[in-house]
Amino acid sequence: MINQVNFNTKIITIDGPAASGKSAAGAFLSEKINFSYLDTGLMYRAVTAYFIENNILPEQLNEISEHLENMNLNMKFIKRKISNIFINNNDYMSKLFLSKIDLSVSKYSSISSIRRYLVTKQRLIAKNKNIIMIGRDIGTVVIPSAKFKFYLKASSLIRAKRRYEQTKNKDKSIQEIKTSIELRDKIDSTRKDSPLMPANDAIIIYTDDLNLSEVVDKMYNAFIGENL
């Protein structure tokens, strides 16, 4: 059990499944309210890239734990957003969205030792900051004490269509993307450590029929309403 950190600043958590629009919404909201912004998924992608680069498979739990003990993960922020992620002084930012990372990140992200390592990092980053944190377990595990929690939901078909539109290389059909998203949902929601689910006190926003501005407006109004 990781010790909780006492937070005296405002923290907004935005959780949700893959391609639910949480990253875009979080970035947009951060601009509106002048908060720092952390997409924790980038941290999991960086660690995944590191282990793939070092030829360590998800099944090699002892080796993973040994590497985590000596791992030095740091991030550089520009204008309150991540610009670089360094692991042992190597910058992994340009490797985060390679196809091999897409295929493997859910496997590495479900490993308890990796989650514990990154949750500790995420809590330290959030300390003493006004920050929006994006992920799958921010409101339930990372910072359950956060006052402002949102959870974005959308059907797998809508999410697949959005992901397809975002992809420059249309090498996968919408149906193939939908199947991949549903598999990721299953892995995320059934893992033993930090399963994907909304916090009990989260505001759930169904985004199927909403555009980005409408989603952000809902979060902004909830936040401002509490700060009048």
C-alpha atoms as a PDB file:
ATOM      1  CA  MET A   1       0.000   0.000   0.000  1.00  0.00           C
ATOM      2  CA  ILE A   2       1.469   3.332  -1.080  1.00  0.00           C
ATOM      3  CA  ASN A   3       1.302   6.114   1.491  1.00  0.00           C
ATOM      4  CA  GLN A   4      -1.103   8.901   0.645  1.00  0.00           C
ATOM      5  CA  VAL A   5       0.192  12.421   0.087  1.00  0.00           C
ATOM      6  CA  ASN A   6      -1.534  15.421   1.641  1.00  0.00           C
ATOM      7  CA  PHE A   7      -2.576  17.871  -1.051  1.00  0.00           C
ATOM      8  CA  ASN A   8      -3.378  21.499  -0.296  1.00  0.00           C
ATOM      9  CA  THR A   9      -3.865  22.589  -3.904  1.00  0.00           C
ATOM     10  CA  LYS A  10      -6.637  21.932  -6.407  1.00  0.00           C
ATOM     11  CA  ILE A  11      -6.363  18.701  -8.372  1.00  0.00           C
ATOM     12  CA  ILE A  12      -8.735  17.630 -11.131  1.00  0.00           C
ATOM     13  CA  THR A  13      -8.786  13.965 -12.145  1.00  0.00           C
ATOM     14  CA  ILE A  14     -10.112  12.783 -15.499  1.00  0.00           C
ATOM     15  CA  ASP A  15     -10.366   9.038 -15.968  1.00  0.00           C
ATOM     16  CA  GLY A  16     -11.895   6.893 -18.665  1.00  0.00           C
ATOM     17  CA  PRO A  17     -11.265   4.076 -21.135  1.00  0.00           C
ATOM     18  CA  ALA A  18      -9.099   4.230 -24.239  1.00  0.00           C
ATOM     19  CA  ALA A  19     -10.085   6.868 -26.827  1.00  0.00           C
ATOM     20  CA  SER A  20     -12.778   8.382 -24.612  1.00  0.00           C
ATOM     21  CA  GLY A  21     -11.398  11.860 -25.276  1.00  0.00           C
ATOM     22  CA  LYS A  22      -9.955  12.443 -21.823  1.00  0.00           C
ATOM     23  CA  SER A  23      -6.527  13.612 -23.017  1.00  0.00           C
ATOM     24  CA  ALA A  24      -7.905  16.208 -25.427  1.00  0.00           C
ATOM     25  CA  ALA A  25     -10.483  17.373 -22.887  1.00  0.00           C
ATOM     26  CA  GLY A  26      -7.886  17.616 -20.130  1.00  0.00           C
ATOM     27  CA  ALA A  27      -5.495  19.621 -22.292  1.00  0.00           C
ATOM     28  CA  PHE A  28      -8.285  21.993 -23.346  1.00  0.00           C
ATOM     29  CA  LEU A  29      -9.508  22.447 -19.767  1.00  0.00           C
ATOM     30  CA  SER A  30      -5.978  23.111 -18.510  1.00  0.00           C
ATOM     31  CA  GLU A  31      -5.704  26.038 -20.917  1.00  0.00           C
ATOM     32  CA  LYS A  32      -9.018  27.475 -19.737  1.00  0.00           C
ATOM     33  CA  ILE A  33      -8.160  27.413 -16.045  1.00  0.00           C
ATOM     34  CA  ASN A  34      -4.361  27.797 -16.205  1.00  0.00           C
ATOM     35  CA  PHE A  35      -3.562  24.444 -14.549  1.00  0.00           C
ATOM     36  CA  SER A  36      -0.627  22.140 -15.174  1.00  0.00           C
ATOM     37  CA  TYR A  37      -1.526  19.041 -17.172  1.00  0.00           C
ATOM     38  CA  LEU A  38      -0.272  15.475 -16.836  1.00  0.00           C
ATOM     39  CA  ASP A  39      -1.387  12.611 -19.054  1.00  0.00           C
ATOM     40  CA  THR A  40      -0.204   9.649 -16.969  1.00  0.00           C
ATOM     41  CA  GLY A  41      -0.629   7.333 -19.937  1.00  0.00           C
ATOM     42  CA  LEU A  42       2.561   8.821 -21.378  1.00  0.00           C
ATOM     43  CA  MET A  43       4.451   7.556 -18.343  1.00  0.00           C
ATOM     44  CA  TYR A  44       3.188   4.002 -18.907  1.00  0.00           C
ATOM     45  CA  ARG A  45       4.128   4.257 -22.578  1.00  0.00           C
ATOM     46  CA  ALA A  46       7.636   5.434 -21.704  1.00  0.00           C
ATOM     47  CA  VAL A  47       8.174   2.552 -19.285  1.00  0.00           C
ATOM     48  CA  THR A  48       6.806   0.125 -21.886  1.00  0.00           C
ATOM     49  CA  ALA A  49       9.250   1.496 -24.471  1.00  0.00           C
ATOM     50  CA  TYR A  50      12.093   1.118 -21.981  1.00  0.00           C
ATOM     51  CA  PHE A  51      11.374  -2.550 -21.269  1.00  0.00           C
ATOM     52  CA  ILE A  52      10.880  -3.392 -24.945  1.00  0.00           C
ATOM     53  CA  GLU A  53      14.166  -1.659 -25.761  1.00  0.00           C
ATOM     54  CA  ASN A  54      15.890  -3.713 -23.066  1.00  0.00           C
ATOM     55  CA  ASN A  55      14.306  -6.970 -24.279  1.00  0.00           C
ATOM     56  CA  ILE A  56      12.427  -7.582 -21.024  1.00  0.00           C
ATOM     57  CA  LEU A  57       9.080  -9.323 -21.504  1.00  0.00           C
ATOM     58  CA  PRO A  58       5.973  -8.705 -19.352  1.00  0.00           C
ATOM     59  CA  GLU A  59       6.348 -12.239 -17.970  1.00  0.00           C
ATOM     60  CA  GLN A  60       9.818 -11.488 -16.560  1.00  0.00           C
ATOM     61  CA  LEU A  61       8.547 -10.009 -13.305  1.00  0.00           C
ATOM     62  CA  ASN A  62      11.795 -10.383 -11.348  1.00  0.00           C
ATOM     63  CA  GLU A  63      13.788  -8.595 -14.026  1.00  0.00           C
ATOM     64  CA  ILE A  64      11.174  -5.854 -14.203  1.00  0.00           C
ATOM     65  CA  SER A  65      11.346  -5.305 -10.442  1.00  0.00           C
ATOM     66  CA  GLU A  66      15.149  -5.144 -10.545  1.00  0.00           C
ATOM     67  CA  HIS A  67      15.087  -2.518 -13.290  1.00  0.00           C
ATOM     68  CA  LEU A  68      12.457  -0.463 -11.473  1.00  0.00           C
ATOM     69  CA  GLU A  69      14.663  -0.334  -8.372  1.00  0.00           C
ATOM     70  CA  ASN A  70      17.369   1.400 -10.405  1.00  0.00           C
ATOM     71  CA  MET A  71      15.120   3.357 -12.745  1.00  0.00           C
ATOM     72  CA  ASN A  72      15.385   7.133 -12.835  1.00  0.00           C
ATOM     73  CA  LEU A  73      12.307   8.570 -14.562  1.00  0.00           C
ATOM     74  CA  ASN A  74      12.106  12.332 -14.989  1.00  0.00           C
ATOM     75  CA  MET A  75       9.931  14.643 -17.017  1.00  0.00           C
ATOM     76  CA  LYS A  76      10.481  18.077 -18.473  1.00  0.00           C
ATOM     77  CA  PHE A  77       7.526  20.444 -18.563  1.00  0.00           C
ATOM     78  CA  ILE A  78       7.132  23.378 -20.956  1.00  0.00           C
ATOM     79  CA  LYS A  79       4.163  25.688 -20.445  1.00  0.00           C
ATOM     80  CA  ARG A  80       2.841  23.293 -17.784  1.00  0.00           C
ATOM     81  CA  LYS A  81       2.778  20.285 -20.165  1.00  0.00           C
ATOM     82  CA  ILE A  82       5.158  17.346 -20.625  1.00  0.00           C
ATOM     83  CA  SER A  83       7.700  17.968 -23.380  1.00  0.00           C
ATOM     84  CA  ASN A  84      10.149  15.146 -22.604  1.00  0.00           C
ATOM     85  CA  ILE A  85      10.193  11.931 -20.592  1.00  0.00           C
ATOM     86  CA  PHE A  86      13.617  10.665 -19.591  1.00  0.00           C
ATOM     87  CA  ILE A  87      14.428   7.215 -18.241  1.00  0.00           C
ATOM     88  CA  ASN A  88      18.026   6.885 -17.080  1.00  0.00           C
ATOM     89  CA  ASN A  89      18.849  10.065 -19.043  1.00  0.00           C
ATOM     90  CA  ASN A  90      17.420   8.720 -22.323  1.00  0.00           C
ATOM     91  CA  ASP A  91      14.530  10.676 -23.867  1.00  0.00           C
ATOM     92  CA  TYR A  92      11.630   8.384 -24.815  1.00  0.00           C
ATOM     93  CA  MET A  93       9.177  11.053 -25.977  1.00  0.00           C
ATOM     94  CA  SER A  94       9.571  10.297 -29.695  1.00  0.00           C
ATOM     95  CA  LYS A  95       8.932   6.576 -29.147  1.00  0.00           C
ATOM     96  CA  LEU A  96       5.696   6.743 -27.180  1.00  0.00           C
ATOM     97  CA  PHE A  97       3.287   6.200 -30.059  1.00  0.00           C
ATOM     98  CA  LEU A  98       5.120   3.591 -32.106  1.00  0.00           C
ATOM     99  CA  SER A  99       2.894   0.667 -33.099  1.00  0.00           C
ATOM    100  CA  LYS A 100       4.892  -1.767 -30.952  1.00  0.00           C
ATOM    101  CA  ILE A 101       4.142   0.406 -27.924  1.00  0.00           C
ATOM    102  CA  ASP A 102       0.437   0.475 -28.813  1.00  0.00           C
ATOM    103  CA  LEU A 103       0.428  -3.320 -28.921  1.00  0.00           C
ATOM    104  CA  SER A 104       2.248  -3.828 -25.617  1.00  0.00           C
ATOM    105  CA  VAL A 105       1.379  -0.971 -23.267  1.00  0.00           C
ATOM    106  CA  SER A 106      -1.695  -2.649 -21.754  1.00  0.00           C
ATOM    107  CA  LYS A 107       0.372  -5.725 -20.828  1.00  0.00           C
ATOM    108  CA  TYR A 108       3.082  -3.752 -19.046  1.00  0.00           C
ATOM    109  CA  SER A 109       0.535  -1.375 -17.505  1.00  0.00           C
ATOM    110  CA  SER A 110      -1.221  -4.259 -15.758  1.00  0.00           C
ATOM    111  CA  ILE A 111       1.947  -5.262 -13.857  1.00  0.00           C
ATOM    112  CA  SER A 112       1.606  -4.304 -10.188  1.00  0.00           C
ATOM    113  CA  SER A 113       5.245  -3.327  -9.648  1.00  0.00           C
ATOM    114  CA  ILE A 114       5.113  -0.913 -12.592  1.00  0.00           C
ATOM    115  CA  ARG A 115       1.847   0.599 -11.390  1.00  0.00           C
ATOM    116  CA  ARG A 116       3.188   1.091  -7.864  1.00  0.00           C
ATOM    117  CA  TYR A 117       6.337   2.746  -9.191  1.00  0.00           C
ATOM    118  CA  LEU A 118       4.430   5.159 -11.412  1.00  0.00           C
ATOM    119  CA  VAL A 119       1.694   5.943  -8.878  1.00  0.00           C
ATOM    120  CA  THR A 120       4.407   7.090  -6.474  1.00  0.00           C
ATOM    121  CA  LYS A 121       5.873   9.311  -9.203  1.00  0.00           C
ATOM    122  CA  GLN A 122       2.454  10.706 -10.098  1.00  0.00           C
ATOM    123  CA  ARG A 123       1.677  11.652  -6.504  1.00  0.00           C
ATOM    124  CA  LEU A 124       4.978  13.465  -6.140  1.00  0.00           C
ATOM    125  CA  ILE A 125       4.365  15.402  -9.356  1.00  0.00           C
ATOM    126  CA  ALA A 126       0.905  16.450  -8.172  1.00  0.00           C
ATOM    127  CA  LYS A 127       2.083  17.672  -4.801  1.00  0.00           C
ATOM    128  CA  ASN A 128       1.875  21.449  -4.412  1.00  0.00           C
ATOM    129  CA  LYS A 129       0.481  21.959  -7.916  1.00  0.00           C
ATOM    130  CA  ASN A 130      -2.814  23.038  -9.401  1.00  0.00           C
ATOM    131  CA  ILE A 131      -2.966  20.204 -11.895  1.00  0.00           C
ATOM    132  CA  ILE A 132      -5.245  18.181 -14.153  1.00  0.00           C
ATOM    133  CA  MET A 133      -4.296  14.507 -14.176  1.00  0.00           C
ATOM    134  CA  ILE A 134      -5.478  12.139 -16.896  1.00  0.00           C
ATOM    135  CA  GLY A 135      -5.533   8.354 -16.626  1.00  0.00           C
ATOM    136  CA  ARG A 136      -7.513   5.276 -15.761  1.00  0.00           C
ATOM    137  CA  ASP A 137      -7.116   5.143 -11.977  1.00  0.00           C
ATOM    138  CA  ILE A 138      -6.352   8.716 -10.924  1.00  0.00           C
ATOM    139  CA  GLY A 139      -9.582   9.320  -9.036  1.00  0.00           C
ATOM    140  CA  THR A 140      -9.738   5.828  -7.546  1.00  0.00           C
ATOM    141  CA  VAL A 141      -6.105   5.043  -6.677  1.00  0.00           C
ATOM    142  CA  VAL A 142      -3.606   7.805  -7.389  1.00  0.00           C
ATOM    143  CA  ILE A 143      -5.423  10.723  -5.744  1.00  0.00           C
ATOM    144  CA  PRO A 144      -8.739   9.471  -4.340  1.00  0.00           C
ATOM    145  CA  SER A 145      -8.921  12.560  -2.112  1.00  0.00           C
ATOM    146  CA  ALA A 146      -9.193  14.914  -5.101  1.00  0.00           C
ATOM    147  CA  LYS A 147     -12.283  17.109  -4.889  1.00  0.00           C
ATOM    148  CA  PHE A 148     -12.880  17.345  -8.624  1.00  0.00           C
ATOM    149  CA  LYS A 149     -13.210  13.983 -10.372  1.00  0.00           C
ATOM    150  CA  PHE A 150     -14.545  13.269 -13.827  1.00  0.00           C
ATOM    151  CA  TYR A 151     -15.014  10.025 -15.718  1.00  0.00           C
ATOM    152  CA  LEU A 152     -15.603  10.086 -19.478  1.00  0.00           C
ATOM    153  CA  LYS A 153     -17.588   7.317 -21.140  1.00  0.00           C
ATOM    154  CA  ALA A 154     -18.420   6.559 -24.755  1.00  0.00           C
ATOM    155  CA  SER A 155     -19.412   3.478 -26.729  1.00  0.00           C
ATOM    156  CA  SER A 156     -16.637   1.420 -28.274  1.00  0.00           C
ATOM    157  CA  LEU A 157     -17.947   2.237 -31.770  1.00  0.00           C
ATOM    158  CA  ILE A 158     -17.841   5.996 -31.189  1.00  0.00           C
ATOM    159  CA  ARG A 159     -14.364   5.699 -29.703  1.00  0.00           C
ATOM    160  CA  ALA A 160     -13.202   3.619 -32.668  1.00  0.00           C
ATOM    161  CA  LYS A 161     -14.526   6.208 -35.109  1.00  0.00           C
ATOM    162  CA  ARG A 162     -12.725   8.986 -33.222  1.00  0.00           C
ATOM    163  CA  ARG A 163      -9.470   7.040 -33.140  1.00  0.00           C
ATOM    164  CA  TYR A 164      -9.802   6.317 -36.871  1.00  0.00           C
ATOM    165  CA  GLU A 165     -10.245  10.020 -37.642  1.00  0.00           C
ATOM    166  CA  GLN A 166      -7.199  10.870 -35.516  1.00  0.00           C
ATOM    167  CA  THR A 167      -4.971   8.318 -37.247  1.00  0.00           C
ATOM    168  CA  LYS A 168      -2.915   9.636 -40.150  1.00  0.00           C
ATOM    169  CA  ASN A 169      -2.185   6.176 -41.536  1.00  0.00           C
ATOM    170  CA  LYS A 170      -5.564   4.515 -42.176  1.00  0.00           C
ATOM    171  CA  ASP A 171      -4.108   1.000 -42.109  1.00  0.00           C
ATOM    172  CA  LYS A 172      -6.817  -0.308 -39.765  1.00  0.00           C
ATOM    173  CA  SER A 173     -10.563  -0.310 -40.310  1.00  0.00           C
ATOM    174  CA  ILE A 174     -13.000   1.120 -37.781  1.00  0.00           C
ATOM    175  CA  GLN A 175     -14.065  -2.426 -36.912  1.00  0.00           C
ATOM    176  CA  GLU A 176     -10.462  -3.488 -36.277  1.00  0.00           C
ATOM    177  CA  ILE A 177      -9.926  -0.469 -34.038  1.00  0.00           C
ATOM    178  CA  LYS A 178     -13.199  -1.210 -32.233  1.00  0.00           C
ATOM    179  CA  THR A 179     -12.061  -4.781 -31.553  1.00  0.00           C
ATOM    180  CA  SER A 180      -8.715  -3.517 -30.239  1.00  0.00           C
ATOM    181  CA  ILE A 181     -10.424  -0.960 -27.981  1.00  0.00           C
ATOM    182  CA  GLU A 182     -12.777  -3.583 -26.554  1.00  0.00           C
ATOM    183  CA  LEU A 183      -9.817  -5.847 -25.789  1.00  0.00           C
ATOM    184  CA  ARG A 184      -8.047  -2.969 -24.028  1.00  0.00           C
ATOM    185  CA  ASP A 185     -11.235  -2.254 -22.063  1.00  0.00           C
ATOM    186  CA  LYS A 186     -11.363  -5.867 -20.916  1.00  0.00           C
ATOM    187  CA  ILE A 187      -7.710  -5.872 -19.834  1.00  0.00           C
ATOM    188  CA  ASP A 188      -8.061  -2.550 -18.020  1.00  0.00           C
ATOM    189  CA  SER A 189     -11.322  -3.360 -16.241  1.00  0.00           C
ATOM    190  CA  THR A 190     -10.418  -6.887 -15.122  1.00  0.00           C
ATOM    191  CA  ARG A 191      -6.847  -6.419 -13.918  1.00  0.00           C
ATOM    192  CA  LYS A 192      -6.383  -7.083 -10.201  1.00  0.00           C
ATOM    193  CA  ASP A 193      -4.358  -3.949  -9.547  1.00  0.00           C
ATOM    194  CA  SER A 194      -6.221  -0.645 -10.080  1.00  0.00           C
ATOM    195  CA  PRO A 195      -8.993  -1.846 -12.408  1.00  0.00           C
ATOM    196  CA  LEU A 196     -10.623   0.729 -14.651  1.00  0.00           C
ATOM    197  CA  MET A 197     -13.762   2.086 -12.978  1.00  0.00           C
ATOM    198  CA  PRO A 198     -15.219   5.466 -12.037  1.00  0.00           C
ATOM    199  CA  ALA A 199     -14.676   6.739  -8.514  1.00  0.00           C
ATOM    200  CA  ASN A 200     -17.831   6.655  -6.413  1.00  0.00           C
ATOM    201  CA  ASP A 201     -17.900  10.450  -6.273  1.00  0.00           C
ATOM    202  CA  ALA A 202     -16.854  11.109  -9.880  1.00  0.00           C
ATOM    203  CA  ILE A 203     -19.022  13.088 -12.277  1.00  0.00           C
ATOM    204  CA  ILE A 204     -19.674  10.746 -15.202  1.00  0.00           C
ATOM    205  CA  ILE A 205     -19.909  12.414 -18.607  1.00  0.00           C
ATOM    206  CA  TYR A 206     -21.281  10.432 -21.548  1.00  0.00           C
ATOM    207  CA  THR A 207     -19.526  11.845 -24.592  1.00  0.00           C
ATOM    208  CA  ASP A 208     -21.122   9.925 -27.484  1.00  0.00           C
ATOM    209  CA  ASP A 209     -23.177  12.920 -28.600  1.00  0.00           C
ATOM    210  CA  LEU A 210     -20.869  15.676 -27.354  1.00  0.00           C
ATOM    211  CA  ASN A 211     -18.040  17.460 -29.110  1.00  0.00           C
ATOM    212  CA  LEU A 212     -14.827  18.427 -27.340  1.00  0.00           C
ATOM    213  CA  SER A 213     -15.993  21.921 -26.406  1.00  0.00           C
ATOM    214  CA  GLU A 214     -19.215  20.580 -24.904  1.00  0.00           C
ATOM    215  CA  VAL A 215     -17.338  18.044 -22.785  1.00  0.00           C
ATOM    216  CA  VAL A 216     -14.924  20.691 -21.531  1.00  0.00           C
ATOM    217  CA  ASP A 217     -17.788  23.092 -20.798  1.00  0.00           C
ATOM    218  CA  LYS A 218     -19.409  20.495 -18.533  1.00  0.00           C
ATOM    219  CA  MET A 219     -16.199  20.051 -16.555  1.00  0.00           C
ATOM    220  CA  TYR A 220     -15.464  23.770 -16.495  1.00  0.00           C
ATOM    221  CA  ASN A 221     -18.938  24.625 -15.199  1.00  0.00           C
ATOM    222  CA  ALA A 222     -18.686  21.986 -12.466  1.00  0.00           C
ATOM    223  CA  PHE A 223     -15.292  23.319 -11.420  1.00  0.00           C
ATOM    224  CA  ILE A 224     -16.249  26.998 -11.515  1.00  0.00           C
ATOM    225  CA  GLY A 225     -19.513  26.292  -9.709  1.00  0.00           C
ATOM    226  CA  GLU A 226     -17.541  24.967  -6.753  1.00  0.00           C
ATOM    227  CA  ASN A 227     -15.224  27.978  -6.764  1.00  0.00           C
ATOM    228  CA  LEU A 228     -17.676  30.893  -6.853  1.00  0.00           C
END
